[in-house]
């Protein structure tokens, strides 16, 4: 029986490209698709796919935040993270949060299949470019380390998640929907965070989030990726260039 794969990417053209790869391989079968982290979490709660193939840069819940929720509800599910980013911050964050593999979107279809096979067997996988970069930085002694600021150390993982979403302009109602929690629960988190951080309004929470790198919303707005021409007609490549959508 083929392994059941859930595809999670907010761009349908990317999901279609990946499905074209699987159409030529009987080892894997797409059991579902999601265009957001929140939807992926709900699918995993109900259907428990073998592997989730997920974009790290999803709107709302990021890929890493969605993965954390998925593994909490379906710990047997394995997650492979897809990304246009090859910097150590994104890679290390994904692996620390539970990803079994990190594959660049400019990788070949063969690289993707190798990652899937490795993870299916209980192993792990990093795109060669990623592993080479990390190895070089480790050897040079300058692998990025971002200790959490002392103030933010007071916050729980869930509070940090709520903080990021609030800082990105989401209302309490929006955050409740994204995290599948009650509105009063989110309001409680906001009140608790303000007390812990010694502030009394959302603007101050946002300033703290930006100052400590909790949200990259400003950078993302100024660095929007563009679609490559015709995505090489959905050729059996995971992505055609470093400018592929994320």
C-alpha atoms as a PDB file:
ATOM      1  CA  UNK A   1       0.000   0.000   0.000  1.00  0.00           C
ATOM      2  CA  UNK A   2       1.437   3.417  -0.942  1.00  0.00           C
ATOM      3  CA  UNK A   3       2.320   5.854   1.814  1.00  0.00           C
ATOM      4  CA  UNK A   4      -0.380   8.464   2.352  1.00  0.00           C
ATOM      5  CA  UNK A   5       0.876  12.021   1.825  1.00  0.00           C
ATOM      6  CA  UNK A   6      -0.762  15.299   2.810  1.00  0.00           C
ATOM      7  CA  UNK A   7       0.370  18.263   0.682  1.00  0.00           C
ATOM      8  CA  UNK A   8       0.327  21.655   2.387  1.00  0.00           C
ATOM      9  CA  UNK A   9       1.141  24.773   0.367  1.00  0.00           C
ATOM     10  CA  UNK A  10      -0.793  27.979  -0.134  1.00  0.00           C
ATOM     11  CA  UNK A  11      -0.068  27.943  -3.884  1.00  0.00           C
ATOM     12  CA  UNK A  12      -2.097  25.424  -5.876  1.00  0.00           C
ATOM     13  CA  UNK A  13       0.378  25.476  -8.748  1.00  0.00           C
ATOM     14  CA  UNK A  14       3.061  24.182  -6.373  1.00  0.00           C
ATOM     15  CA  UNK A  15       0.807  21.392  -5.096  1.00  0.00           C
ATOM     16  CA  UNK A  16      -0.043  20.437  -8.680  1.00  0.00           C
ATOM     17  CA  UNK A  17       3.643  20.270  -9.552  1.00  0.00           C
ATOM     18  CA  UNK A  18       4.349  17.935  -6.639  1.00  0.00           C
ATOM     19  CA  UNK A  19       1.363  15.750  -7.519  1.00  0.00           C
ATOM     20  CA  UNK A  20       2.769  15.372 -11.028  1.00  0.00           C
ATOM     21  CA  UNK A  21       5.879  13.838  -9.459  1.00  0.00           C
ATOM     22  CA  UNK A  22       3.845  11.350  -7.448  1.00  0.00           C
ATOM     23  CA  UNK A  23       1.757  10.430 -10.489  1.00  0.00           C
ATOM     24  CA  UNK A  24       4.863   8.726 -11.857  1.00  0.00           C
ATOM     25  CA  UNK A  25       5.632   6.841  -8.644  1.00  0.00           C
ATOM     26  CA  UNK A  26       3.511   4.145  -7.007  1.00  0.00           C
ATOM     27  CA  UNK A  27       5.243   4.429  -3.608  1.00  0.00           C
ATOM     28  CA  UNK A  28       3.323   7.533  -2.560  1.00  0.00           C
ATOM     29  CA  UNK A  29      -0.277   8.665  -2.789  1.00  0.00           C
ATOM     30  CA  UNK A  30      -1.688  12.115  -2.096  1.00  0.00           C
ATOM     31  CA  UNK A  31      -4.524  11.609   0.392  1.00  0.00           C
ATOM     32  CA  UNK A  32      -5.354  15.271   0.778  1.00  0.00           C
ATOM     33  CA  UNK A  33      -4.335  18.884   0.229  1.00  0.00           C
ATOM     34  CA  UNK A  34      -4.408  21.998   2.388  1.00  0.00           C
ATOM     35  CA  UNK A  35      -3.599  25.607   1.631  1.00  0.00           C
ATOM     36  CA  UNK A  36      -3.106  26.689   5.239  1.00  0.00           C
ATOM     37  CA  UNK A  37      -1.567  25.419   8.442  1.00  0.00           C
ATOM     38  CA  UNK A  38      -4.890  25.465  10.268  1.00  0.00           C
ATOM     39  CA  UNK A  39      -6.506  23.288   7.595  1.00  0.00           C
ATOM     40  CA  UNK A  40      -3.569  20.873   7.695  1.00  0.00           C
ATOM     41  CA  UNK A  41      -3.940  20.473  11.455  1.00  0.00           C
ATOM     42  CA  UNK A  42      -7.629  19.647  11.107  1.00  0.00           C
ATOM     43  CA  UNK A  43      -6.980  17.078   8.369  1.00  0.00           C
ATOM     44  CA  UNK A  44      -4.277  15.383  10.424  1.00  0.00           C
ATOM     45  CA  UNK A  45      -6.561  15.149  13.430  1.00  0.00           C
ATOM     46  CA  UNK A  46      -9.124  13.251  11.383  1.00  0.00           C
ATOM     47  CA  UNK A  47      -7.154  11.243   8.815  1.00  0.00           C
ATOM     48  CA  UNK A  48      -3.612  10.767  10.211  1.00  0.00           C
ATOM     49  CA  UNK A  49      -1.485  10.788   7.033  1.00  0.00           C
ATOM     50  CA  UNK A  50       1.824   8.921   7.046  1.00  0.00           C
ATOM     51  CA  UNK A  51       3.789  11.990   5.931  1.00  0.00           C
ATOM     52  CA  UNK A  52       2.979  15.685   5.725  1.00  0.00           C
ATOM     53  CA  UNK A  53       4.842  17.600   3.019  1.00  0.00           C
ATOM     54  CA  UNK A  54       4.516  21.217   4.127  1.00  0.00           C
ATOM     55  CA  UNK A  55       5.665  24.687   3.108  1.00  0.00           C
ATOM     56  CA  UNK A  56       7.454  26.507   5.911  1.00  0.00           C
ATOM     57  CA  UNK A  57       6.130  29.925   4.840  1.00  0.00           C
ATOM     58  CA  UNK A  58       2.388  29.452   5.178  1.00  0.00           C
ATOM     59  CA  UNK A  59       0.113  32.420   5.933  1.00  0.00           C
ATOM     60  CA  UNK A  60      -1.490  32.493   9.372  1.00  0.00           C
ATOM     61  CA  UNK A  61       0.011  29.506  11.154  1.00  0.00           C
ATOM     62  CA  UNK A  62       3.530  29.069   9.814  1.00  0.00           C
ATOM     63  CA  UNK A  63       4.677  25.639   8.714  1.00  0.00           C
ATOM     64  CA  UNK A  64       6.625  25.209  11.940  1.00  0.00           C
ATOM     65  CA  UNK A  65       3.672  26.209  14.124  1.00  0.00           C
ATOM     66  CA  UNK A  66       1.323  23.934  12.185  1.00  0.00           C
ATOM     67  CA  UNK A  67       3.818  21.081  12.504  1.00  0.00           C
ATOM     68  CA  UNK A  68       3.944  21.553  16.271  1.00  0.00           C
ATOM     69  CA  UNK A  69       0.150  21.201  16.433  1.00  0.00           C
ATOM     70  CA  UNK A  70       0.126  18.224  14.063  1.00  0.00           C
ATOM     71  CA  UNK A  71       2.723  16.331  16.088  1.00  0.00           C
ATOM     72  CA  UNK A  72       0.829  17.083  19.285  1.00  0.00           C
ATOM     73  CA  UNK A  73      -2.327  15.459  17.918  1.00  0.00           C
ATOM     74  CA  UNK A  74      -0.736  12.859  15.617  1.00  0.00           C
ATOM     75  CA  UNK A  75       2.770  12.082  16.910  1.00  0.00           C
ATOM     76  CA  UNK A  76       3.118   9.133  14.533  1.00  0.00           C
ATOM     77  CA  UNK A  77       2.862  11.440  11.510  1.00  0.00           C
ATOM     78  CA  UNK A  78       6.179  12.502  10.008  1.00  0.00           C
ATOM     79  CA  UNK A  79       6.711  15.982   8.616  1.00  0.00           C
ATOM     80  CA  UNK A  80       8.923  17.075   5.743  1.00  0.00           C
ATOM     81  CA  UNK A  81       9.423  20.822   5.494  1.00  0.00           C
ATOM     82  CA  UNK A  82       9.652  22.565   2.125  1.00  0.00           C
ATOM     83  CA  UNK A  83      11.276  25.974   1.866  1.00  0.00           C
ATOM     84  CA  UNK A  84      12.865  28.525  -0.423  1.00  0.00           C
ATOM     85  CA  UNK A  85      15.082  29.445   2.538  1.00  0.00           C
ATOM     86  CA  UNK A  86      18.394  27.668   3.051  1.00  0.00           C
ATOM     87  CA  UNK A  87      19.667  29.706   6.011  1.00  0.00           C
ATOM     88  CA  UNK A  88      20.454  27.908   9.223  1.00  0.00           C
ATOM     89  CA  UNK A  89      17.830  29.763  11.248  1.00  0.00           C
ATOM     90  CA  UNK A  90      14.933  28.257   9.290  1.00  0.00           C
ATOM     91  CA  UNK A  91      16.581  24.839   9.030  1.00  0.00           C
ATOM     92  CA  UNK A  92      17.497  24.543  12.704  1.00  0.00           C
ATOM     93  CA  UNK A  93      14.096  25.887  13.812  1.00  0.00           C
ATOM     94  CA  UNK A  94      12.308  23.291  11.671  1.00  0.00           C
ATOM     95  CA  UNK A  95      14.427  20.354  12.849  1.00  0.00           C
ATOM     96  CA  UNK A  96      14.221  21.379  16.508  1.00  0.00           C
ATOM     97  CA  UNK A  97      10.446  21.576  16.196  1.00  0.00           C
ATOM     98  CA  UNK A  98      10.167  18.032  14.884  1.00  0.00           C
ATOM     99  CA  UNK A  99      10.671  18.045  11.111  1.00  0.00           C
ATOM    100  CA  UNK A 100      12.228  14.819   9.835  1.00  0.00           C
ATOM    101  CA  UNK A 101      13.500  16.421   6.639  1.00  0.00           C
ATOM    102  CA  UNK A 102      14.158  19.843   5.140  1.00  0.00           C
ATOM    103  CA  UNK A 103      13.940  20.073   1.354  1.00  0.00           C
ATOM    104  CA  UNK A 104      14.557  23.184  -0.715  1.00  0.00           C
ATOM    105  CA  UNK A 105      11.942  24.086  -3.289  1.00  0.00           C
ATOM    106  CA  UNK A 106      14.623  24.341  -5.944  1.00  0.00           C
ATOM    107  CA  UNK A 107      15.538  20.686  -5.380  1.00  0.00           C
ATOM    108  CA  UNK A 108      14.994  18.092  -8.077  1.00  0.00           C
ATOM    109  CA  UNK A 109      12.154  15.608  -8.044  1.00  0.00           C
ATOM    110  CA  UNK A 110      14.709  12.901  -7.252  1.00  0.00           C
ATOM    111  CA  UNK A 111      15.818  14.810  -4.144  1.00  0.00           C
ATOM    112  CA  UNK A 112      12.213  14.993  -2.964  1.00  0.00           C
ATOM    113  CA  UNK A 113      11.682  11.276  -3.503  1.00  0.00           C
ATOM    114  CA  UNK A 114      14.903  10.488  -1.651  1.00  0.00           C
ATOM    115  CA  UNK A 115      13.701  12.588   1.292  1.00  0.00           C
ATOM    116  CA  UNK A 116      10.353  10.798   1.327  1.00  0.00           C
ATOM    117  CA  UNK A 117      11.968   7.370   1.200  1.00  0.00           C
ATOM    118  CA  UNK A 118      14.417   8.236   3.975  1.00  0.00           C
ATOM    119  CA  UNK A 119      11.673   9.553   6.248  1.00  0.00           C
ATOM    120  CA  UNK A 120       9.398   6.606   5.441  1.00  0.00           C
ATOM    121  CA  UNK A 121      12.135   4.294   6.723  1.00  0.00           C
ATOM    122  CA  UNK A 122      12.467   6.251   9.953  1.00  0.00           C
ATOM    123  CA  UNK A 123      15.432   8.340   8.859  1.00  0.00           C
ATOM    124  CA  UNK A 124      15.964  12.001   8.129  1.00  0.00           C
ATOM    125  CA  UNK A 125      17.077  14.093   5.192  1.00  0.00           C
ATOM    126  CA  UNK A 126      18.525  17.519   4.409  1.00  0.00           C
ATOM    127  CA  UNK A 127      18.890  18.915   0.916  1.00  0.00           C
ATOM    128  CA  UNK A 128      22.590  18.697  -0.026  1.00  0.00           C
ATOM    129  CA  UNK A 129      22.903  22.485  -0.292  1.00  0.00           C
ATOM    130  CA  UNK A 130      21.480  22.842   3.223  1.00  0.00           C
ATOM    131  CA  UNK A 131      23.707  20.198   4.788  1.00  0.00           C
ATOM    132  CA  UNK A 132      26.809  21.615   3.081  1.00  0.00           C
ATOM    133  CA  UNK A 133      26.004  25.114   4.339  1.00  0.00           C
ATOM    134  CA  UNK A 134      25.403  23.945   7.902  1.00  0.00           C
ATOM    135  CA  UNK A 135      28.567  21.832   7.916  1.00  0.00           C
ATOM    136  CA  UNK A 136      30.643  24.767   6.708  1.00  0.00           C
ATOM    137  CA  UNK A 137      29.238  27.113   9.315  1.00  0.00           C
ATOM    138  CA  UNK A 138      29.736  24.547  12.097  1.00  0.00           C
ATOM    139  CA  UNK A 139      33.337  24.065  10.990  1.00  0.00           C
ATOM    140  CA  UNK A 140      33.835  27.839  10.983  1.00  0.00           C
ATOM    141  CA  UNK A 141      32.318  28.056  14.445  1.00  0.00           C
ATOM    142  CA  UNK A 142      29.640  30.547  13.497  1.00  0.00           C
ATOM    143  CA  UNK A 143      26.441  28.542  13.348  1.00  0.00           C
ATOM    144  CA  UNK A 144      23.668  30.937  14.218  1.00  0.00           C
ATOM    145  CA  UNK A 145      22.419  30.837  17.753  1.00  0.00           C
ATOM    146  CA  UNK A 146      19.467  32.978  18.749  1.00  0.00           C
ATOM    147  CA  UNK A 147      18.870  32.759  22.475  1.00  0.00           C
ATOM    148  CA  UNK A 148      15.417  33.855  23.488  1.00  0.00           C
ATOM    149  CA  UNK A 149      15.369  37.284  25.090  1.00  0.00           C
ATOM    150  CA  UNK A 150      14.897  37.115  28.856  1.00  0.00           C
ATOM    151  CA  UNK A 151      11.465  38.781  28.700  1.00  0.00           C
ATOM    152  CA  UNK A 152      10.182  36.341  26.105  1.00  0.00           C
ATOM    153  CA  UNK A 153      11.558  33.449  28.139  1.00  0.00           C
ATOM    154  CA  UNK A 154       8.619  34.063  30.444  1.00  0.00           C
ATOM    155  CA  UNK A 155       6.167  33.123  27.687  1.00  0.00           C
ATOM    156  CA  UNK A 156       4.988  29.606  26.922  1.00  0.00           C
ATOM    157  CA  UNK A 157       5.245  28.204  23.361  1.00  0.00           C
ATOM    158  CA  UNK A 158       1.519  28.841  22.890  1.00  0.00           C
ATOM    159  CA  UNK A 159       1.856  32.410  24.128  1.00  0.00           C
ATOM    160  CA  UNK A 160       4.715  33.014  21.693  1.00  0.00           C
ATOM    161  CA  UNK A 161       2.486  31.668  18.924  1.00  0.00           C
ATOM    162  CA  UNK A 162      -0.338  34.014  19.898  1.00  0.00           C
ATOM    163  CA  UNK A 163       2.125  36.904  20.205  1.00  0.00           C
ATOM    164  CA  UNK A 164       3.340  36.429  16.633  1.00  0.00           C
ATOM    165  CA  UNK A 165      -0.177  36.266  15.221  1.00  0.00           C
ATOM    166  CA  UNK A 166      -1.294  39.341  17.163  1.00  0.00           C
ATOM    167  CA  UNK A 167       1.822  41.254  16.090  1.00  0.00           C
ATOM    168  CA  UNK A 168       1.033  40.451  12.461  1.00  0.00           C
ATOM    169  CA  UNK A 169      -2.273  42.289  12.781  1.00  0.00           C
ATOM    170  CA  UNK A 170      -4.688  39.452  13.525  1.00  0.00           C
ATOM    171  CA  UNK A 171      -7.614  40.187  15.818  1.00  0.00           C
ATOM    172  CA  UNK A 172      -8.363  37.941  18.776  1.00  0.00           C
ATOM    173  CA  UNK A 173     -11.166  36.390  16.724  1.00  0.00           C
ATOM    174  CA  UNK A 174      -8.770  35.718  13.830  1.00  0.00           C
ATOM    175  CA  UNK A 175      -6.220  34.108  16.154  1.00  0.00           C
ATOM    176  CA  UNK A 176      -8.926  31.954  17.732  1.00  0.00           C
ATOM    177  CA  UNK A 177      -9.908  30.631  14.306  1.00  0.00           C
ATOM    178  CA  UNK A 178      -6.316  30.028  13.226  1.00  0.00           C
ATOM    179  CA  UNK A 179      -5.455  28.129  16.404  1.00  0.00           C
ATOM    180  CA  UNK A 180      -8.857  26.455  16.750  1.00  0.00           C
ATOM    181  CA  UNK A 181      -9.298  27.888  20.237  1.00  0.00           C
ATOM    182  CA  UNK A 182     -12.060  29.804  21.962  1.00  0.00           C
ATOM    183  CA  UNK A 183     -12.157  33.598  21.754  1.00  0.00           C
ATOM    184  CA  UNK A 184     -12.024  33.959  25.528  1.00  0.00           C
ATOM    185  CA  UNK A 185      -8.977  31.677  25.605  1.00  0.00           C
ATOM    186  CA  UNK A 186      -7.119  33.967  23.206  1.00  0.00           C
ATOM    187  CA  UNK A 187      -8.139  37.044  25.172  1.00  0.00           C
ATOM    188  CA  UNK A 188      -6.822  35.304  28.267  1.00  0.00           C
ATOM    189  CA  UNK A 189      -3.485  34.661  26.560  1.00  0.00           C
ATOM    190  CA  UNK A 190      -3.236  38.328  25.553  1.00  0.00           C
ATOM    191  CA  UNK A 191      -3.972  39.482  29.081  1.00  0.00           C
ATOM    192  CA  UNK A 192      -1.422  37.076  30.543  1.00  0.00           C
ATOM    193  CA  UNK A 193       1.255  38.113  28.021  1.00  0.00           C
ATOM    194  CA  UNK A 194       0.747  41.797  28.764  1.00  0.00           C
ATOM    195  CA  UNK A 195       1.107  41.115  32.486  1.00  0.00           C
ATOM    196  CA  UNK A 196       4.263  39.035  32.011  1.00  0.00           C
ATOM    197  CA  UNK A 197       5.852  41.579  29.668  1.00  0.00           C
ATOM    198  CA  UNK A 198       4.765  44.636  31.644  1.00  0.00           C
ATOM    199  CA  UNK A 199       2.760  46.304  28.861  1.00  0.00           C
ATOM    200  CA  UNK A 200      -0.883  47.264  28.533  1.00  0.00           C
ATOM    201  CA  UNK A 201      -1.711  47.402  24.817  1.00  0.00           C
ATOM    202  CA  UNK A 202      -1.337  45.491  21.568  1.00  0.00           C
ATOM    203  CA  UNK A 203       0.979  48.112  20.066  1.00  0.00           C
ATOM    204  CA  UNK A 204       3.533  47.430  22.806  1.00  0.00           C
ATOM    205  CA  UNK A 205       3.200  43.661  22.276  1.00  0.00           C
ATOM    206  CA  UNK A 206       3.849  44.190  18.574  1.00  0.00           C
ATOM    207  CA  UNK A 207       6.948  46.299  19.257  1.00  0.00           C
ATOM    208  CA  UNK A 208       8.337  43.576  21.518  1.00  0.00           C
ATOM    209  CA  UNK A 209       7.618  40.880  18.906  1.00  0.00           C
ATOM    210  CA  UNK A 210       9.366  42.805  16.135  1.00  0.00           C
ATOM    211  CA  UNK A 211      12.324  43.770  18.333  1.00  0.00           C
ATOM    212  CA  UNK A 212      12.896  40.125  19.268  1.00  0.00           C
ATOM    213  CA  UNK A 213      12.413  38.640  15.804  1.00  0.00           C
ATOM    214  CA  UNK A 214       9.169  36.867  16.685  1.00  0.00           C
ATOM    215  CA  UNK A 215       7.599  38.149  13.483  1.00  0.00           C
ATOM    216  CA  UNK A 216       9.235  38.767  10.124  1.00  0.00           C
ATOM    217  CA  UNK A 217       6.135  40.289   8.588  1.00  0.00           C
ATOM    218  CA  UNK A 218       7.905  43.501   7.563  1.00  0.00           C
ATOM    219  CA  UNK A 219      10.677  41.642   5.769  1.00  0.00           C
ATOM    220  CA  UNK A 220       8.235  39.326   4.072  1.00  0.00           C
ATOM    221  CA  UNK A 221       6.148  42.189   2.709  1.00  0.00           C
ATOM    222  CA  UNK A 222       9.199  43.843   1.144  1.00  0.00           C
ATOM    223  CA  UNK A 223      10.555  40.586  -0.241  1.00  0.00           C
ATOM    224  CA  UNK A 224       7.573  38.993  -1.968  1.00  0.00           C
ATOM    225  CA  UNK A 225       8.548  36.129  -4.249  1.00  0.00           C
ATOM    226  CA  UNK A 226       7.359  36.040  -7.842  1.00  0.00           C
ATOM    227  CA  UNK A 227       6.138  33.144  -9.953  1.00  0.00           C
ATOM    228  CA  UNK A 228       8.651  31.924 -12.523  1.00  0.00           C
ATOM    229  CA  UNK A 229       7.432  31.809 -16.077  1.00  0.00           C
ATOM    230  CA  UNK A 230       4.839  29.017 -16.417  1.00  0.00           C
ATOM    231  CA  UNK A 231       6.691  27.062 -13.666  1.00  0.00           C
ATOM    232  CA  UNK A 232       8.382  25.259 -16.551  1.00  0.00           C
ATOM    233  CA  UNK A 233       4.978  23.809 -17.448  1.00  0.00           C
ATOM    234  CA  UNK A 234       4.803  21.887 -14.168  1.00  0.00           C
ATOM    235  CA  UNK A 235       7.837  19.817 -15.110  1.00  0.00           C
ATOM    236  CA  UNK A 236       8.804  16.986 -12.752  1.00  0.00           C
ATOM    237  CA  UNK A 237      10.923  19.310 -10.685  1.00  0.00           C
ATOM    238  CA  UNK A 238      10.019  20.372  -7.179  1.00  0.00           C
ATOM    239  CA  UNK A 239      10.809  23.940  -8.149  1.00  0.00           C
ATOM    240  CA  UNK A 240      12.453  25.724 -10.996  1.00  0.00           C
ATOM    241  CA  UNK A 241      14.430  28.426  -9.243  1.00  0.00           C
ATOM    242  CA  UNK A 242      15.234  30.087  -5.959  1.00  0.00           C
ATOM    243  CA  UNK A 243      12.392  32.495  -6.691  1.00  0.00           C
ATOM    244  CA  UNK A 244       9.696  29.824  -6.578  1.00  0.00           C
ATOM    245  CA  UNK A 245       6.650  30.732  -4.556  1.00  0.00           C
ATOM    246  CA  UNK A 246       6.523  29.794  -0.899  1.00  0.00           C
END
